[in-house]
Amino acid sequence: MAGAGLWWSAGAAPTPPEVLRLGAPDAPDAPAATTSGATSGATPVASTGVDKLEKFKGAEPKPMPPLSFIDAEGRRIDLADFKDRVILLNLWATWCGPCVKEMPSLDRLQAQLGGDAFQVVALSLDRGGRAAVEPFYKKTGVQNLTVFLDPASDSMKALSLRGLPTTILVDPEGRELGRVEGAVEWDAPEVVAFLRQHLGRGGGPARDRGGVMKTGG
């Protein structure tokens, strides 16, 4: 499976893969730290196929802490607002090289699967908020992702993030099924097939639902 991330179940604690360490300055040339390897219970996404993800499918759900952020208009959004949908919650920033690398594939994934049953929630930790994210989306051609912002980086502590990007799979009940650290090719066929298993159906085009389901910045 394409990518440099590792999936693991909600209760596992693997050695982190290559990610941009938190605490880096809010600047394009922020340094990255590289680690490698994985303990038992972690599946290297970059080198395994969908068969290795079957045990992740049966992971024990883990309660998610309350999480709030804002949209491009400054309106408060709660993670609980996405109840009844499978959510791929991606924590990222424009100054994070691995985040920038995977953003186009997240955009394509939302275009392919986004709808009543699934949504990619790309949550930016940029301190500049909308002023940083909207120009980035325009420059990179992102058209299907809604702008969600956490300029104070409250999610960093709430979700116990160790680096960026971190992506968390959330079930329709709002529980964490697992997370991945590092860039992944999210629209790779085996990844899409894996996510479809959690949807229980083929997915469909995204639709506007009071701002929450709206695609595009």
C-alpha atoms as a PDB file:
ATOM      1  CA  MET A   1       0.000   0.000   0.000  1.00  0.00           C
ATOM      2  CA  ALA A   2       1.449   3.362  -0.946  1.00  0.00           C
ATOM      3  CA  GLY A   3       2.533   5.706   1.793  1.00  0.00           C
ATOM      4  CA  ALA A   4       4.892   6.050   4.726  1.00  0.00           C
ATOM      5  CA  GLY A   5       2.423   5.651   7.565  1.00  0.00           C
ATOM      6  CA  LEU A   6       1.512   2.896   9.963  1.00  0.00           C
ATOM      7  CA  TRP A   7      -2.022   1.809  10.854  1.00  0.00           C
ATOM      8  CA  TRP A   8      -2.501   0.478  14.335  1.00  0.00           C
ATOM      9  CA  SER A   9      -5.450  -0.354  16.527  1.00  0.00           C
ATOM     10  CA  ALA A  10      -6.700   2.170  19.029  1.00  0.00           C
ATOM     11  CA  GLY A  11      -5.020   0.427  21.950  1.00  0.00           C
ATOM     12  CA  ALA A  12      -1.634  -0.238  20.374  1.00  0.00           C
ATOM     13  CA  ALA A  13       1.524   1.824  20.907  1.00  0.00           C
ATOM     14  CA  PRO A  14       3.955   1.285  18.007  1.00  0.00           C
ATOM     15  CA  THR A  15       7.216   3.028  17.271  1.00  0.00           C
ATOM     16  CA  PRO A  16       6.350   6.127  15.214  1.00  0.00           C
ATOM     17  CA  PRO A  17       7.293   6.261  11.525  1.00  0.00           C
ATOM     18  CA  GLU A  18       8.583   9.297   9.659  1.00  0.00           C
ATOM     19  CA  VAL A  19       6.568  12.341  10.642  1.00  0.00           C
ATOM     20  CA  LEU A  20       7.173  16.014  11.269  1.00  0.00           C
ATOM     21  CA  ARG A  21       7.621  16.384  15.011  1.00  0.00           C
ATOM     22  CA  LEU A  22       5.289  18.720  16.852  1.00  0.00           C
ATOM     23  CA  GLY A  23       6.731  21.874  18.312  1.00  0.00           C
ATOM     24  CA  ALA A  24       8.396  22.851  15.040  1.00  0.00           C
ATOM     25  CA  PRO A  25       8.175  26.537  14.056  1.00  0.00           C
ATOM     26  CA  ASP A  26       5.259  27.653  11.916  1.00  0.00           C
ATOM     27  CA  ALA A  27       7.463  28.045   8.841  1.00  0.00           C
ATOM     28  CA  PRO A  28       7.888  26.261   5.493  1.00  0.00           C
ATOM     29  CA  ASP A  29      11.417  25.137   6.314  1.00  0.00           C
ATOM     30  CA  ALA A  30      10.570  23.463   9.603  1.00  0.00           C
ATOM     31  CA  PRO A  31      12.898  20.480  10.169  1.00  0.00           C
ATOM     32  CA  ALA A  32      11.639  16.928  10.133  1.00  0.00           C
ATOM     33  CA  ALA A  33      12.757  14.067  12.330  1.00  0.00           C
ATOM     34  CA  THR A  34      13.015  10.547  10.949  1.00  0.00           C
ATOM     35  CA  THR A  35      12.434   7.327  12.838  1.00  0.00           C
ATOM     36  CA  SER A  36      11.785   3.849  11.527  1.00  0.00           C
ATOM     37  CA  GLY A  37      10.544   0.429  12.520  1.00  0.00           C
ATOM     38  CA  ALA A  38       7.354  -0.878  14.065  1.00  0.00           C
ATOM     39  CA  THR A  39       6.474  -3.044  17.011  1.00  0.00           C
ATOM     40  CA  SER A  40       4.056  -5.939  16.912  1.00  0.00           C
ATOM     41  CA  GLY A  41       0.500  -4.763  16.382  1.00  0.00           C
ATOM     42  CA  ALA A  42       1.514  -2.177  13.761  1.00  0.00           C
ATOM     43  CA  THR A  43       1.085  -2.734  10.039  1.00  0.00           C
ATOM     44  CA  PRO A  44       3.523  -0.923   7.701  1.00  0.00           C
ATOM     45  CA  VAL A  45       1.228   0.676   5.147  1.00  0.00           C
ATOM     46  CA  ALA A  46       4.026   1.244   2.650  1.00  0.00           C
ATOM     47  CA  SER A  47       4.855  -2.452   2.315  1.00  0.00           C
ATOM     48  CA  THR A  48       1.676  -4.429   2.982  1.00  0.00           C
ATOM     49  CA  GLY A  49      -1.564  -5.072   1.143  1.00  0.00           C
ATOM     50  CA  VAL A  50      -5.198  -5.029   2.095  1.00  0.00           C
ATOM     51  CA  ASP A  51      -4.913  -8.523   3.620  1.00  0.00           C
ATOM     52  CA  LYS A  52      -2.764  -7.091   6.405  1.00  0.00           C
ATOM     53  CA  LEU A  53      -5.476  -4.553   7.217  1.00  0.00           C
ATOM     54  CA  GLU A  54      -8.070  -7.188   8.051  1.00  0.00           C
ATOM     55  CA  LYS A  55      -6.983  -7.384  11.681  1.00  0.00           C
ATOM     56  CA  PHE A  56      -7.304  -3.599  11.940  1.00  0.00           C
ATOM     57  CA  LYS A  57     -10.890  -3.967  10.793  1.00  0.00           C
ATOM     58  CA  GLY A  58     -11.645  -5.821  14.026  1.00  0.00           C
ATOM     59  CA  ALA A  59      -9.935  -3.315  16.320  1.00  0.00           C
ATOM     60  CA  GLU A  60     -11.695  -2.439  19.560  1.00  0.00           C
ATOM     61  CA  PRO A  61     -13.211   1.073  19.285  1.00  0.00           C
ATOM     62  CA  LYS A  62     -11.791   3.685  21.640  1.00  0.00           C
ATOM     63  CA  PRO A  63     -13.763   6.675  22.984  1.00  0.00           C
ATOM     64  CA  MET A  64     -12.787  10.004  21.417  1.00  0.00           C
ATOM     65  CA  PRO A  65     -12.392  13.089  23.612  1.00  0.00           C
ATOM     66  CA  PRO A  66     -14.639  16.080  22.886  1.00  0.00           C
ATOM     67  CA  LEU A  67     -13.107  18.053  20.033  1.00  0.00           C
ATOM     68  CA  SER A  68     -14.107  21.453  18.677  1.00  0.00           C
ATOM     69  CA  PHE A  69     -12.658  23.579  15.895  1.00  0.00           C
ATOM     70  CA  ILE A  70     -13.869  26.182  13.407  1.00  0.00           C
ATOM     71  CA  ASP A  71     -14.668  26.419   9.720  1.00  0.00           C
ATOM     72  CA  ALA A  72     -13.487  29.095   7.296  1.00  0.00           C
ATOM     73  CA  GLU A  73     -16.218  31.468   8.485  1.00  0.00           C
ATOM     74  CA  GLY A  74     -15.229  31.099  12.133  1.00  0.00           C
ATOM     75  CA  ARG A  75     -18.227  28.954  13.044  1.00  0.00           C
ATOM     76  CA  ARG A  76     -17.710  26.354  15.745  1.00  0.00           C
ATOM     77  CA  ILE A  77     -17.738  22.737  14.603  1.00  0.00           C
ATOM     78  CA  ASP A  78     -17.806  19.776  16.973  1.00  0.00           C
ATOM     79  CA  LEU A  79     -16.545  16.356  15.980  1.00  0.00           C
ATOM     80  CA  ALA A  80     -19.853  15.074  17.318  1.00  0.00           C
ATOM     81  CA  ASP A  81     -21.570  16.942  14.466  1.00  0.00           C
ATOM     82  CA  PHE A  82     -20.329  14.191  12.148  1.00  0.00           C
ATOM     83  CA  LYS A  83     -22.132  11.410  14.036  1.00  0.00           C
ATOM     84  CA  ASP A  84     -23.517   8.620  11.861  1.00  0.00           C
ATOM     85  CA  ARG A  85     -20.673   8.972   9.348  1.00  0.00           C
ATOM     86  CA  VAL A  86     -17.273   7.314   9.138  1.00  0.00           C
ATOM     87  CA  ILE A  87     -14.735  10.125   9.477  1.00  0.00           C
ATOM     88  CA  LEU A  88     -11.138  10.218   8.349  1.00  0.00           C
ATOM     89  CA  LEU A  89      -9.784  12.959  10.627  1.00  0.00           C
ATOM     90  CA  ASN A  90      -6.500  14.265   9.245  1.00  0.00           C
ATOM     91  CA  LEU A  91      -4.383  16.597  11.396  1.00  0.00           C
ATOM     92  CA  TRP A  92      -2.028  18.602   9.220  1.00  0.00           C
ATOM     93  CA  ALA A  93      -0.325  21.956   8.529  1.00  0.00           C
ATOM     94  CA  THR A  94       0.921  23.762   5.440  1.00  0.00           C
ATOM     95  CA  TRP A  95       4.475  23.851   6.852  1.00  0.00           C
ATOM     96  CA  CYS A  96       4.552  20.058   7.210  1.00  0.00           C
ATOM     97  CA  GLY A  97       6.193  18.425   4.179  1.00  0.00           C
ATOM     98  CA  PRO A  98       4.579  14.962   4.597  1.00  0.00           C
ATOM     99  CA  CYS A  99       1.188  16.664   5.067  1.00  0.00           C
ATOM    100  CA  VAL A 100       1.559  18.608   1.836  1.00  0.00           C
ATOM    101  CA  LYS A 101       2.543  15.405   0.044  1.00  0.00           C
ATOM    102  CA  GLU A 102      -0.617  13.523   0.983  1.00  0.00           C
ATOM    103  CA  MET A 103      -3.156  16.363   0.708  1.00  0.00           C
ATOM    104  CA  PRO A 104      -3.994  15.818  -3.018  1.00  0.00           C
ATOM    105  CA  SER A 105      -4.809  12.159  -2.351  1.00  0.00           C
ATOM    106  CA  LEU A 106      -7.074  13.139   0.559  1.00  0.00           C
ATOM    107  CA  ASP A 107      -8.846  15.536  -1.791  1.00  0.00           C
ATOM    108  CA  ARG A 108      -9.329  12.774  -4.360  1.00  0.00           C
ATOM    109  CA  LEU A 109     -10.542  10.386  -1.642  1.00  0.00           C
ATOM    110  CA  GLN A 110     -13.202  12.869  -0.550  1.00  0.00           C
ATOM    111  CA  ALA A 111     -14.312  13.260  -4.171  1.00  0.00           C
ATOM    112  CA  GLN A 112     -14.553   9.498  -4.523  1.00  0.00           C
ATOM    113  CA  LEU A 113     -16.147   8.440  -1.221  1.00  0.00           C
ATOM    114  CA  GLY A 114     -17.482  11.608   0.386  1.00  0.00           C
ATOM    115  CA  GLY A 115     -21.200  11.589   1.142  1.00  0.00           C
ATOM    116  CA  ASP A 116     -23.737  10.762   3.833  1.00  0.00           C
ATOM    117  CA  ALA A 117     -21.658   7.815   5.050  1.00  0.00           C
ATOM    118  CA  PHE A 118     -18.124   9.200   4.863  1.00  0.00           C
ATOM    119  CA  GLN A 119     -16.171  12.444   5.085  1.00  0.00           C
ATOM    120  CA  VAL A 120     -12.549  13.469   5.158  1.00  0.00           C
ATOM    121  CA  VAL A 121     -12.098  16.105   7.854  1.00  0.00           C
ATOM    122  CA  ALA A 122      -8.752  17.768   7.173  1.00  0.00           C
ATOM    123  CA  LEU A 123      -8.063  19.843  10.280  1.00  0.00           C
ATOM    124  CA  SER A 124      -5.313  22.439   9.866  1.00  0.00           C
ATOM    125  CA  LEU A 125      -3.116  23.348  12.842  1.00  0.00           C
ATOM    126  CA  ASP A 126      -1.686  26.390  11.058  1.00  0.00           C
ATOM    127  CA  ARG A 127      -1.462  29.385  13.358  1.00  0.00           C
ATOM    128  CA  GLY A 128      -2.442  31.600  10.436  1.00  0.00           C
ATOM    129  CA  GLY A 129      -5.782  29.819  10.126  1.00  0.00           C
ATOM    130  CA  ARG A 130      -7.837  30.594   7.034  1.00  0.00           C
ATOM    131  CA  ALA A 131      -5.188  32.974   5.668  1.00  0.00           C
ATOM    132  CA  ALA A 132      -2.729  30.083   5.493  1.00  0.00           C
ATOM    133  CA  VAL A 133      -5.038  27.295   4.336  1.00  0.00           C
ATOM    134  CA  GLU A 134      -7.155  28.848   1.587  1.00  0.00           C
ATOM    135  CA  PRO A 135      -4.175  30.020  -0.535  1.00  0.00           C
ATOM    136  CA  PHE A 136      -2.604  26.581  -0.093  1.00  0.00           C
ATOM    137  CA  TYR A 137      -5.781  24.829  -1.272  1.00  0.00           C
ATOM    138  CA  LYS A 138      -5.962  27.122  -4.275  1.00  0.00           C
ATOM    139  CA  LYS A 139      -2.296  26.658  -5.171  1.00  0.00           C
ATOM    140  CA  THR A 140      -2.454  22.860  -4.923  1.00  0.00           C
ATOM    141  CA  GLY A 141      -5.838  22.483  -6.622  1.00  0.00           C
ATOM    142  CA  VAL A 142      -7.689  21.105  -3.592  1.00  0.00           C
ATOM    143  CA  GLN A 143     -11.393  21.377  -4.434  1.00  0.00           C
ATOM    144  CA  ASN A 144     -13.239  18.760  -2.382  1.00  0.00           C
ATOM    145  CA  LEU A 145     -12.062  19.386   1.174  1.00  0.00           C
ATOM    146  CA  THR A 146     -13.850  21.787   3.493  1.00  0.00           C
ATOM    147  CA  VAL A 147     -11.605  24.221   5.375  1.00  0.00           C
ATOM    148  CA  PHE A 148     -11.448  23.227   9.045  1.00  0.00           C
ATOM    149  CA  LEU A 149      -9.144  25.127  11.386  1.00  0.00           C
ATOM    150  CA  ASP A 150      -7.514  24.686  14.785  1.00  0.00           C
ATOM    151  CA  PRO A 151      -5.122  27.664  14.968  1.00  0.00           C
ATOM    152  CA  ALA A 152      -4.608  27.209  18.710  1.00  0.00           C
ATOM    153  CA  SER A 153      -3.644  23.541  18.156  1.00  0.00           C
ATOM    154  CA  ASP A 154      -6.019  22.404  20.911  1.00  0.00           C
ATOM    155  CA  SER A 155      -6.408  19.069  19.115  1.00  0.00           C
ATOM    156  CA  MET A 156      -2.707  18.405  19.618  1.00  0.00           C
ATOM    157  CA  LYS A 157      -3.167  17.830  23.337  1.00  0.00           C
ATOM    158  CA  ALA A 158      -6.705  16.482  23.183  1.00  0.00           C
ATOM    159  CA  LEU A 159      -5.722  13.702  20.769  1.00  0.00           C
ATOM    160  CA  SER A 160      -2.221  13.110  22.180  1.00  0.00           C
ATOM    161  CA  LEU A 161      -0.562  13.763  18.834  1.00  0.00           C
ATOM    162  CA  ARG A 162       3.098  12.801  18.430  1.00  0.00           C
ATOM    163  CA  GLY A 163       3.643  14.283  14.995  1.00  0.00           C
ATOM    164  CA  LEU A 164       2.102  15.457  11.749  1.00  0.00           C
ATOM    165  CA  PRO A 165       0.388  14.240   9.733  1.00  0.00           C
ATOM    166  CA  THR A 166      -1.710  12.062  12.011  1.00  0.00           C
ATOM    167  CA  THR A 167      -4.909  10.570  10.622  1.00  0.00           C
ATOM    168  CA  ILE A 168      -7.587   9.002  12.814  1.00  0.00           C
ATOM    169  CA  LEU A 169     -10.378   6.743  11.583  1.00  0.00           C
ATOM    170  CA  VAL A 170     -13.581   7.471  13.506  1.00  0.00           C
ATOM    171  CA  ASP A 171     -16.641   5.225  13.373  1.00  0.00           C
ATOM    172  CA  PRO A 172     -20.272   6.456  13.078  1.00  0.00           C
ATOM    173  CA  GLU A 173     -20.572   6.407  16.878  1.00  0.00           C
ATOM    174  CA  GLY A 174     -17.687   8.857  17.216  1.00  0.00           C
ATOM    175  CA  ARG A 175     -15.166   6.271  18.440  1.00  0.00           C
ATOM    176  CA  GLU A 176     -11.562   5.960  17.315  1.00  0.00           C
ATOM    177  CA  LEU A 177     -10.897   2.782  15.365  1.00  0.00           C
ATOM    178  CA  GLY A 178      -7.218   3.467  14.831  1.00  0.00           C
ATOM    179  CA  ARG A 179      -4.694   6.007  13.625  1.00  0.00           C
ATOM    180  CA  VAL A 180      -1.807   6.396  11.233  1.00  0.00           C
ATOM    181  CA  GLU A 181       1.237   8.653  11.459  1.00  0.00           C
ATOM    182  CA  GLY A 182       2.918   9.746   8.250  1.00  0.00           C
ATOM    183  CA  ALA A 183       1.905  10.398   4.665  1.00  0.00           C
ATOM    184  CA  VAL A 184      -0.313   7.879   2.874  1.00  0.00           C
ATOM    185  CA  GLU A 185      -1.632   7.675  -0.683  1.00  0.00           C
ATOM    186  CA  TRP A 186      -5.225   7.793   0.474  1.00  0.00           C
ATOM    187  CA  ASP A 187      -6.843   7.090  -2.869  1.00  0.00           C
ATOM    188  CA  ALA A 188      -4.720   4.028  -3.600  1.00  0.00           C
ATOM    189  CA  PRO A 189      -7.096   1.175  -4.595  1.00  0.00           C
ATOM    190  CA  GLU A 190      -6.322  -0.968  -1.549  1.00  0.00           C
ATOM    191  CA  VAL A 191      -6.885   1.964   0.831  1.00  0.00           C
ATOM    192  CA  VAL A 192     -10.208   2.825  -0.796  1.00  0.00           C
ATOM    193  CA  ALA A 193     -11.283  -0.822  -0.644  1.00  0.00           C
ATOM    194  CA  PHE A 194     -10.350  -0.938   3.048  1.00  0.00           C
ATOM    195  CA  LEU A 195     -12.408   2.168   3.808  1.00  0.00           C
ATOM    196  CA  ARG A 196     -15.380   0.858   1.823  1.00  0.00           C
ATOM    197  CA  GLN A 197     -15.479  -2.115   4.194  1.00  0.00           C
ATOM    198  CA  HIS A 198     -16.153   0.311   7.048  1.00  0.00           C
ATOM    199  CA  LEU A 199     -18.769   2.186   5.079  1.00  0.00           C
ATOM    200  CA  GLY A 200     -20.806  -0.892   4.329  1.00  0.00           C
ATOM    201  CA  ARG A 201     -21.625   0.528   0.924  1.00  0.00           C
ATOM    202  CA  GLY A 202     -19.922   2.034  -2.104  1.00  0.00           C
ATOM    203  CA  GLY A 203     -20.055   5.673  -0.996  1.00  0.00           C
ATOM    204  CA  GLY A 204     -21.234   8.499  -3.197  1.00  0.00           C
ATOM    205  CA  PRO A 205     -20.779  12.126  -4.128  1.00  0.00           C
ATOM    206  CA  ALA A 206     -20.505  14.617  -1.289  1.00  0.00           C
ATOM    207  CA  ARG A 207     -23.540  16.734  -0.574  1.00  0.00           C
ATOM    208  CA  ASP A 208     -23.998  19.983   1.312  1.00  0.00           C
ATOM    209  CA  ARG A 209     -25.475  19.569   4.786  1.00  0.00           C
ATOM    210  CA  GLY A 210     -25.615  22.940   6.427  1.00  0.00           C
ATOM    211  CA  GLY A 211     -21.920  23.638   5.854  1.00  0.00           C
ATOM    212  CA  VAL A 212     -20.616  20.419   7.391  1.00  0.00           C
ATOM    213  CA  MET A 213     -20.869  18.362   4.221  1.00  0.00           C
ATOM    214  CA  LYS A 214     -19.870  21.177   1.882  1.00  0.00           C
ATOM    215  CA  THR A 215     -16.805  20.360  -0.196  1.00  0.00           C
ATOM    216  CA  GLY A 216     -14.252  22.845  -1.304  1.00  0.00           C
ATOM    217  CA  GLY A 217     -12.763  25.783   0.617  1.00  0.00           C
END
